Structures are given as structure tokens and as C-alpha cells.
PDB file of N, CA and C in Angstrom:
ATOM      1  N   MET A   1      12.086  10.876  -6.146  1.00  0.00           N
ATOM      2  CA  MET A   1      11.017  10.197  -5.195  1.00  0.00           C
ATOM      3  C   MET A   1      10.414   8.279  -4.568  1.00  0.00           C
ATOM      4  N   CYS A   2      11.093   8.750  -3.905  1.00  0.00           N
ATOM      5  CA  CYS A   2      11.678   7.195  -3.205  1.00  0.00           C
ATOM      6  C   CYS A   2      10.299   6.703  -3.142  1.00  0.00           C
ATOM      7  N   LYS A   3      10.096   5.598  -4.251  1.00  0.00           N
ATOM      8  CA  LYS A   3       8.668   5.020  -4.139  1.00  0.00           C
ATOM      9  C   LYS A   3       8.944   3.335  -2.942  1.00  0.00           C
ATOM     10  N   LEU A   4       8.021   3.060  -2.169  1.00  0.00           N
ATOM     11  CA  LEU A   4       7.422   2.543  -1.250  1.00  0.00           C
ATOM     12  C   LEU A   4       8.001   0.967  -2.399  1.00  0.00           C
ATOM     13  N   PRO A   5       8.717  -0.430  -1.047  1.00  0.00           N
ATOM     14  CA  PRO A   5       8.307  -1.333  -2.172  1.00  0.00           C
ATOM     15  C   PRO A   5       7.381  -1.982  -1.592  1.00  0.00           C
ATOM     16  N   LEU A   6       7.233  -2.517  -3.137  1.00  0.00           N
ATOM     17  CA  LEU A   6       5.627  -3.528  -3.256  1.00  0.00           C
ATOM     18  C   LEU A   6       5.379  -4.185  -2.401  1.00  0.00           C
ATOM     19  N   ARG A   7       5.897  -5.086  -1.654  1.00  0.00           N
ATOM     20  CA  ARG A   7       5.794  -5.564   0.328  1.00  0.00           C
ATOM     21  C   ARG A   7       5.203  -4.415   0.749  1.00  0.00           C
ATOM     22  N   LEU A   8       5.888  -3.238   1.045  1.00  0.00           N
ATOM     23  CA  LEU A   8       4.844  -2.301   2.125  1.00  0.00           C
ATOM     24  C   LEU A   8       3.822  -2.111   1.345  1.00  0.00           C
ATOM     25  N   GLU A   9       3.900  -1.444   0.061  1.00  0.00           N
ATOM     26  CA  GLU A   9       2.676  -0.969   0.135  1.00  0.00           C
ATOM     27  C   GLU A   9       1.551  -1.920   0.557  1.00  0.00           C
ATOM     28  N   VAL A  10       1.295  -3.370  -0.397  1.00  0.00           N
ATOM     29  CA  VAL A  10       0.228  -4.507  -0.168  1.00  0.00           C
ATOM     30  C   VAL A  10       0.331  -4.684   1.281  1.00  0.00           C
ATOM     31  N   TRP A  11       1.634  -4.882   1.840  1.00  0.00           N
ATOM     32  CA  TRP A  11       0.974  -5.628   3.493  1.00  0.00           C
ATOM     33  C   TRP A  11       0.645  -4.144   4.165  1.00  0.00           C
ATOM     34  N   GLY A  12       0.610  -2.682   4.271  1.00  0.00           N
ATOM     35  CA  GLY A  12      -0.380  -1.769   4.794  1.00  0.00           C
ATOM     36  C   GLY A  12      -1.487  -1.466   4.403  1.00  0.00           C
ATOM     37  N   TYR A  13      -2.041  -1.333   2.674  1.00  0.00           N
ATOM     38  CA  TYR A  13      -3.164  -1.891   2.040  1.00  0.00           C
ATOM     39  C   TYR A  13      -4.091  -3.334   2.711  1.00  0.00           C
ATOM     40  N   THR A  14      -3.673  -3.890   2.899  1.00  0.00           N
ATOM     41  CA  THR A  14      -4.252  -5.502   3.495  1.00  0.00           C
ATOM     42  C   THR A  14      -4.640  -5.174   5.174  1.00  0.00           C
ATOM     43  N   ASN A  15      -2.994  -4.712   5.843  1.00  0.00           N
ATOM     44  CA  ASN A  15      -3.475  -3.700   7.565  1.00  0.00           C
ATOM     45  C   ASN A  15      -4.909  -2.943   7.784  1.00  0.00           C
ATOM     46  N   GLU A  16      -3.987  -1.855   6.477  1.00  0.00           N
ATOM     47  CA  GLU A  16      -5.901  -1.421   6.708  1.00  0.00           C
ATOM     48  C   GLU A  16      -7.305  -2.084   6.089  1.00  0.00           C
ATOM     49  N   VAL A  17      -7.241  -2.327   5.274  1.00  0.00           N
ATOM     50  CA  VAL A  17      -8.394  -3.464   4.918  1.00  0.00           C
ATOM     51  C   VAL A  17      -8.836  -3.881   6.171  1.00  0.00           C
ATOM     52  N   ARG A  18      -8.159  -4.690   7.330  1.00  0.00           N
ATOM     53  CA  ARG A  18      -7.577  -5.507   7.695  1.00  0.00           C
ATOM     54  C   ARG A  18      -8.722  -4.961   9.034  1.00  0.00           C
ATOM     55  N   GLN A  19      -8.382  -3.384   9.284  1.00  0.00           N
ATOM     56  CA  GLN A  19      -8.542  -2.682  10.534  1.00  0.00           C
ATOM     57  C   GLN A  19     -10.263  -2.200  10.170  1.00  0.00           C
ATOM     58  N   ARG A  20      -9.832  -1.949   8.665  1.00  0.00           N
ATOM     59  CA  ARG A  20     -11.949  -1.475   8.355  1.00  0.00           C
ATOM     60  C   ARG A  20     -13.013  -3.073   8.619  1.00  0.00           C
ATOM     61  N   GLY A  21     -12.448  -3.516   8.118  1.00  0.00           N
ATOM     62  CA  GLY A  21     -13.482  -4.625   8.479  1.00  0.00           C
ATOM     63  C   GLY A  21     -12.867  -4.921  10.057  1.00  0.00           C
ATOM     64  N   LEU A  22     -12.127  -4.730  10.407  1.00  0.00           N
ATOM     65  CA  LEU A  22     -12.393  -5.355  11.942  1.00  0.00           C
ATOM     66  C   LEU A  22     -13.206  -4.383  12.621  1.00  0.00           C
ATOM     67  N   ILE A  23     -13.491  -3.180  12.216  1.00  0.00           N
ATOM     68  CA  ILE A  23     -14.178  -2.565  12.713  1.00  0.00           C
ATOM     69  C   ILE A  23     -15.537  -2.134  12.380  1.00  0.00           C
ATOM     70  N   PHE A  24     -15.947  -2.635  10.806  1.00  0.00           N
ATOM     71  CA  PHE A  24     -17.136  -2.963  10.147  1.00  0.00           C
ATOM     72  C   PHE A  24     -17.988  -3.954  11.218  1.00  0.00           C
ATOM     73  N   SER A  25     -17.385  -5.294  11.472  1.00  0.00           N
ATOM     74  CA  SER A  25     -17.707  -6.415  12.084  1.00  0.00           C
ATOM     75  C   SER A  25     -18.322  -6.637  13.561  1.00  0.00           C
ATOM     76  N   LEU A  26     -17.013  -5.256  14.302  1.00  0.00           N
ATOM     77  CA  LEU A  26     -17.784  -5.002  15.613  1.00  0.00           C
ATOM     78  C   LEU A  26     -18.616  -4.269  15.446  1.00  0.00           C
ATOM     79  N   ARG A  27     -18.486  -3.498  14.899  1.00  0.00           N
ATOM     80  CA  ARG A  27     -20.398  -2.339  14.579  1.00  0.00           C
ATOM     81  C   ARG A  27     -21.319  -3.401  14.347  1.00  0.00           C
ATOM     82  N   ARG A  28     -21.502  -3.946  12.875  1.00  0.00           N
ATOM     83  CA  ARG A  28     -22.442  -5.181  12.722  1.00  0.00           C
ATOM     84  C   ARG A  28     -22.631  -6.185  14.012  1.00  0.00           C
ATOM     85  N   GLN A  29     -21.672  -6.346  14.388  1.00  0.00           N
ATOM     86  CA  GLN A  29     -21.654  -7.465  15.924  1.00  0.00           C
ATOM     87  C   GLN A  29     -22.553  -6.614  16.564  1.00  0.00           C
ATOM     88  N   ALA A  30     -22.241  -5.365  16.963  1.00  0.00           N
ATOM     89  CA  ALA A  30     -23.114  -4.156  18.124  1.00  0.00           C
ATOM     90  C   ALA A  30     -24.508  -3.793  16.998  1.00  0.00           C
ATOM     91  N   TRP A  31     -24.470  -4.244  16.226  1.00  0.00           N
ATOM     92  CA  TRP A  31     -25.777  -3.797  16.078  1.00  0.00           C
ATOM     93  C   TRP A  31     -27.286  -4.248  16.398  1.00  0.00           C
ATOM     94  N   PHE A  32     -26.089  -6.260  15.629  1.00  0.00           N
ATOM     95  CA  PHE A  32     -27.628  -7.249  15.646  1.00  0.00           C
ATOM     96  C   PHE A  32     -27.675  -7.579  16.766  1.00  0.00           C
ATOM     97  N   VAL A  33     -26.786  -7.754  18.214  1.00  0.00           N
ATOM     98  CA  VAL A  33     -26.804  -7.959  19.269  1.00  0.00           C
ATOM     99  C   VAL A  33     -28.016  -7.428  19.876  1.00  0.00           C
TER     100      VAL A  33
END
């Protein structure tokens, strides 16, 4: 098995969290506005 570099793992994780946070913030704005 070829393990991904730690940087790529962390970057992918933070990128996924950012997308989730962005979608959540958009939902919250649409809900309250």
C-alpha cells in the first residue's frame, strides 16, 4: 500500500471541512434570511 503524504491528507481533510462549513453557513443564511 502506498500511503499518502501527511500534507495531502491534512489538506484534503481541511478542504472537506471547509466545503462542509461553507454549505452549512449557506444553509444557515438561507434559513435565517
